Amino acid sequence: MTLNELAQHDGRNGNKAYVAVNGRVYDVSASPLWQNGDHQGAHQAGADLTRELATAPHVRAVIERFPIVAHIEDPDPPKKKGLLGFFKK
């Protein structure tokens, strides 16, 4: 799943509520603490919360209780130009 696809799962208007942490995408839709994709006014579903979780008042194990539904895809690395093109005149 790309970050753009993750953003579509914001828990609003009937969408599932997904959050990403450390490359894993969790479905938090069933949690009463994530109603409409909002977590106590501090976080919104559809986002990568890896950094935010580092300062959360609870441990990472709390988010890991939710089902993993996908993994975040790494963006393609920039393509390197081959030496062949360098030597062509």
C-alpha atoms as a PDB file:
ATOM      1  CA  MET A   1       0.000   0.000   0.000  1.00  0.00           C
ATOM      2  CA  THR A   2       1.299   3.439  -0.840  1.00  0.00           C
ATOM      3  CA  LEU A   3       0.993   6.417   1.486  1.00  0.00           C
ATOM      4  CA  ASN A   4      -1.572   7.880  -0.936  1.00  0.00           C
ATOM      5  CA  GLU A   5      -3.676   4.716  -0.653  1.00  0.00           C
ATOM      6  CA  LEU A   6      -3.310   4.793   3.130  1.00  0.00           C
ATOM      7  CA  ALA A   7      -4.642   8.358   3.198  1.00  0.00           C
ATOM      8  CA  GLN A   8      -7.902   7.138   1.635  1.00  0.00           C
ATOM      9  CA  HIS A   9      -8.527   4.968   4.720  1.00  0.00           C
ATOM     10  CA  ASP A  10      -9.150   7.860   7.080  1.00  0.00           C
ATOM     11  CA  GLY A  11     -12.208   6.411   8.853  1.00  0.00           C
ATOM     12  CA  ARG A  12     -14.515   9.106   7.516  1.00  0.00           C
ATOM     13  CA  ASN A  13     -17.642   8.713   5.391  1.00  0.00           C
ATOM     14  CA  GLY A  14     -17.753   4.950   5.829  1.00  0.00           C
ATOM     15  CA  ASN A  15     -14.074   4.371   4.985  1.00  0.00           C
ATOM     16  CA  LYS A  16     -12.023   1.941   7.047  1.00  0.00           C
ATOM     17  CA  ALA A  17      -9.627   3.496   9.554  1.00  0.00           C
ATOM     18  CA  TYR A  18      -6.040   2.411   8.883  1.00  0.00           C
ATOM     19  CA  VAL A  19      -2.818   3.659  10.445  1.00  0.00           C
ATOM     20  CA  ALA A  20       0.757   2.756   9.586  1.00  0.00           C
ATOM     21  CA  VAL A  21       3.508   2.125  12.127  1.00  0.00           C
ATOM     22  CA  ASN A  22       6.983   0.934  11.181  1.00  0.00           C
ATOM     23  CA  GLY A  23       5.866  -0.036   7.677  1.00  0.00           C
ATOM     24  CA  ARG A  24       2.877  -2.098   8.809  1.00  0.00           C
ATOM     25  CA  VAL A  25      -0.695  -0.959   8.177  1.00  0.00           C
ATOM     26  CA  TYR A  26      -3.165  -1.688  10.973  1.00  0.00           C
ATOM     27  CA  ASP A  27      -6.969  -1.658  10.782  1.00  0.00           C
ATOM     28  CA  VAL A  28      -8.193   0.301  13.816  1.00  0.00           C
ATOM     29  CA  SER A  29     -11.765   0.613  12.516  1.00  0.00           C
ATOM     30  CA  ALA A  30     -13.298  -1.536  15.260  1.00  0.00           C
ATOM     31  CA  SER A  31     -11.769   0.447  18.113  1.00  0.00           C
ATOM     32  CA  PRO A  32     -14.068   2.841  19.981  1.00  0.00           C
ATOM     33  CA  LEU A  33     -10.964   5.007  20.458  1.00  0.00           C
ATOM     34  CA  TRP A  34     -10.789   5.576  16.679  1.00  0.00           C
ATOM     35  CA  GLN A  35     -14.358   6.699  15.920  1.00  0.00           C
ATOM     36  CA  ASN A  36     -14.593   8.391  12.520  1.00  0.00           C
ATOM     37  CA  GLY A  37     -10.827   7.905  12.203  1.00  0.00           C
ATOM     38  CA  ASP A  38     -10.043  10.307  15.039  1.00  0.00           C
ATOM     39  CA  HIS A  39      -8.011   9.151  18.045  1.00  0.00           C
ATOM     40  CA  GLN A  40      -8.878  11.397  20.981  1.00  0.00           C
ATOM     41  CA  GLY A  41      -8.352  14.544  18.921  1.00  0.00           C
ATOM     42  CA  ALA A  42      -4.633  13.817  18.665  1.00  0.00           C
ATOM     43  CA  HIS A  43      -4.288  11.570  15.596  1.00  0.00           C
ATOM     44  CA  GLN A  44      -6.171  10.936  12.384  1.00  0.00           C
ATOM     45  CA  ALA A  45      -6.394   7.601  10.607  1.00  0.00           C
ATOM     46  CA  GLY A  46      -4.997   7.414   7.099  1.00  0.00           C
ATOM     47  CA  ALA A  47      -1.523   8.436   8.220  1.00  0.00           C
ATOM     48  CA  ASP A  48       1.853   6.992   9.129  1.00  0.00           C
ATOM     49  CA  LEU A  49       2.035   7.393  12.902  1.00  0.00           C
ATOM     50  CA  THR A  50       5.495   5.911  13.438  1.00  0.00           C
ATOM     51  CA  ARG A  51       6.985   9.121  14.853  1.00  0.00           C
ATOM     52  CA  GLU A  52       3.908   9.994  16.897  1.00  0.00           C
ATOM     53  CA  LEU A  53       3.842   6.571  18.511  1.00  0.00           C
ATOM     54  CA  ALA A  54       7.338   7.136  19.851  1.00  0.00           C
ATOM     55  CA  THR A  55       5.920   9.845  22.151  1.00  0.00           C
ATOM     56  CA  ALA A  56       2.532   8.211  22.833  1.00  0.00           C
ATOM     57  CA  PRO A  57       1.479   7.571  26.439  1.00  0.00           C
ATOM     58  CA  HIS A  58       1.095   3.859  25.681  1.00  0.00           C
ATOM     59  CA  VAL A  59       3.460   1.219  24.378  1.00  0.00           C
ATOM     60  CA  ARG A  60       3.692   0.023  20.790  1.00  0.00           C
ATOM     61  CA  ALA A  61       2.087  -3.277  21.815  1.00  0.00           C
ATOM     62  CA  VAL A  62      -1.271  -1.478  21.966  1.00  0.00           C
ATOM     63  CA  ILE A  63      -1.304  -0.787  18.215  1.00  0.00           C
ATOM     64  CA  GLU A  64       0.111  -4.229  17.474  1.00  0.00           C
ATOM     65  CA  ARG A  65      -3.096  -5.806  18.820  1.00  0.00           C
ATOM     66  CA  PHE A  66      -4.940  -4.651  15.708  1.00  0.00           C
ATOM     67  CA  PRO A  67      -4.968  -6.692  12.497  1.00  0.00           C
ATOM     68  CA  ILE A  68      -2.247  -5.984   9.955  1.00  0.00           C
ATOM     69  CA  VAL A  69      -3.927  -5.426   6.592  1.00  0.00           C
ATOM     70  CA  ALA A  70      -0.981  -4.307   4.447  1.00  0.00           C
ATOM     71  CA  HIS A  71       2.571  -3.027   4.404  1.00  0.00           C
ATOM     72  CA  ILE A  72       3.743   0.370   3.205  1.00  0.00           C
ATOM     73  CA  GLU A  73       5.511   0.145  -0.126  1.00  0.00           C
ATOM     74  CA  ASP A  74       8.909   1.747  -0.353  1.00  0.00           C
ATOM     75  CA  PRO A  75       9.013   4.375  -3.057  1.00  0.00           C
ATOM     76  CA  ASP A  76      11.099   3.313  -6.027  1.00  0.00           C
ATOM     77  CA  PRO A  77      14.708   4.438  -5.651  1.00  0.00           C
ATOM     78  CA  PRO A  78      15.901   6.869  -8.323  1.00  0.00           C
ATOM     79  CA  LYS A  79      17.186   5.068 -11.372  1.00  0.00           C
ATOM     80  CA  LYS A  80      20.907   5.325 -11.960  1.00  0.00           C
ATOM     81  CA  LYS A  81      22.174   6.227 -15.346  1.00  0.00           C
ATOM     82  CA  GLY A  82      24.258   3.480 -16.862  1.00  0.00           C
ATOM     83  CA  LEU A  83      27.797   4.012 -18.021  1.00  0.00           C
ATOM     84  CA  LEU A  84      26.736   3.135 -21.557  1.00  0.00           C
ATOM     85  CA  GLY A  85      24.962   6.468 -21.961  1.00  0.00           C
ATOM     86  CA  PHE A  86      27.974   8.284 -20.565  1.00  0.00           C
ATOM     87  CA  PHE A  87      30.282   6.986 -23.289  1.00  0.00           C
ATOM     88  CA  LYS A  88      27.929   7.577 -26.230  1.00  0.00           C
ATOM     89  CA  LYS A  89      28.718  10.578 -28.380  1.00  0.00           C
END
